[in-house]
């Protein structure tokens, strides 16, 4: 798994134009057979971390929505800490 995730590069193509090739430092790899499992592992861990910080988390297909009630400056700090 370490070899699979190490030293990856990425570029984006729109039509016939490609972006500069850059190192891929994070995220879930798409287009391989193992990517659905890796996505589930990643998104579940992310949700656990956010919940521990007091953020409400909901899943939608291949995405995650997070929110919290912001009533004061402390709430803003808690949300920013969760995002960090």
Protein backbone atom coordinates (compact mmCIF):
# COMPACT_ATOMS: atom_id res chain seq x y z
CA UNK A 1 0.00 0.00 0.00
CA UNK A 2 2.84 2.41 0.84
CA UNK A 3 4.41 1.85 -2.59
CA UNK A 4 1.02 2.35 -4.27
CA UNK A 5 0.52 5.72 -2.56
CA UNK A 6 4.10 7.05 -2.77
CA UNK A 7 5.67 9.26 -5.44
CA UNK A 8 2.45 9.89 -7.37
CA UNK A 9 1.98 12.69 -9.88
CA UNK A 10 -1.12 14.35 -11.27
CA UNK A 11 -2.28 16.55 -14.09
CA UNK A 12 -5.71 17.67 -15.23
CA UNK A 13 -6.92 17.62 -18.80
CA UNK A 14 -9.76 19.75 -20.15
CA UNK A 15 -10.40 19.03 -23.80
CA UNK A 16 -6.99 18.89 -25.44
CA UNK A 17 -5.20 21.06 -22.86
CA UNK A 18 -3.24 19.53 -19.96
CA UNK A 19 -2.09 21.23 -16.79
CA UNK A 20 1.46 21.08 -15.48
CA UNK A 21 2.37 17.71 -13.93
CA UNK A 22 2.76 18.12 -10.17
CA UNK A 23 3.31 15.79 -7.18
CA UNK A 24 0.10 14.37 -5.72
CA UNK A 25 0.37 14.98 -1.98
CA UNK A 26 -3.07 13.92 -0.74
CA UNK A 27 -6.47 12.65 -1.75
CA UNK A 28 -7.96 9.41 -2.96
CA UNK A 29 -6.58 7.91 -6.16
CA UNK A 30 -9.24 7.45 -8.83
CA UNK A 31 -9.41 4.87 -11.57
CA UNK A 32 -7.91 1.86 -9.80
CA UNK A 33 -9.64 -1.20 -8.40
CA UNK A 34 -8.80 -0.32 -4.81
CA UNK A 35 -9.92 3.32 -4.88
CA UNK A 36 -13.48 2.72 -3.55
CA UNK A 37 -12.10 0.99 -0.45
CA UNK A 38 -9.49 3.69 0.06
CA UNK A 39 -12.15 6.40 -0.27
CA UNK A 40 -14.34 4.75 2.39
CA UNK A 41 -11.38 4.45 4.76
CA UNK A 42 -10.41 8.09 4.18
CA UNK A 43 -13.90 9.57 4.46
CA UNK A 44 -14.79 7.55 7.56
CA UNK A 45 -11.61 8.63 9.35
CA UNK A 46 -12.25 12.25 8.36
CA UNK A 47 -15.80 12.03 9.71
CA UNK A 48 -14.55 10.59 13.02
CA UNK A 49 -12.03 13.43 13.42
CA UNK A 50 -14.65 16.08 12.65
CA UNK A 51 -17.19 14.54 15.06
CA UNK A 52 -14.58 14.53 17.85
CA UNK A 53 -14.22 18.27 17.24
CA UNK A 54 -17.97 18.76 17.68
CA UNK A 55 -18.87 19.12 14.00
CA UNK A 56 -22.00 17.46 12.60
CA UNK A 57 -21.19 15.19 9.66
CA UNK A 58 -23.49 13.75 6.99
CA UNK A 59 -22.60 11.50 4.04
CA UNK A 60 -24.02 11.95 0.54
CA UNK A 61 -22.95 9.32 -2.04
CA UNK A 62 -19.27 10.09 -2.59
CA UNK A 63 -19.15 13.26 -0.52
CA UNK A 64 -19.26 14.51 3.05
CA UNK A 65 -21.13 17.53 4.37
CA UNK A 66 -20.09 19.16 7.63
CA UNK A 67 -21.75 21.87 9.64
CA UNK A 68 -22.07 23.30 13.13
CA UNK A 69 -24.08 25.98 14.89
CA UNK A 70 -22.01 29.16 15.10
CA UNK A 71 -23.28 31.39 17.92
CA UNK A 72 -20.11 33.05 19.15
CA UNK A 73 -16.37 33.41 18.66
CA UNK A 74 -15.67 30.14 20.49
CA UNK A 75 -17.84 28.27 17.95
CA UNK A 76 -15.86 29.88 15.13
CA UNK A 77 -12.61 28.74 16.72
CA UNK A 78 -13.93 25.18 17.16
CA UNK A 79 -14.98 25.00 13.50
CA UNK A 80 -11.66 26.40 12.31
CA UNK A 81 -9.81 23.89 14.47
CA UNK A 82 -11.86 21.07 12.92
CA UNK A 83 -11.04 22.34 9.42
CA UNK A 84 -7.35 22.63 10.28
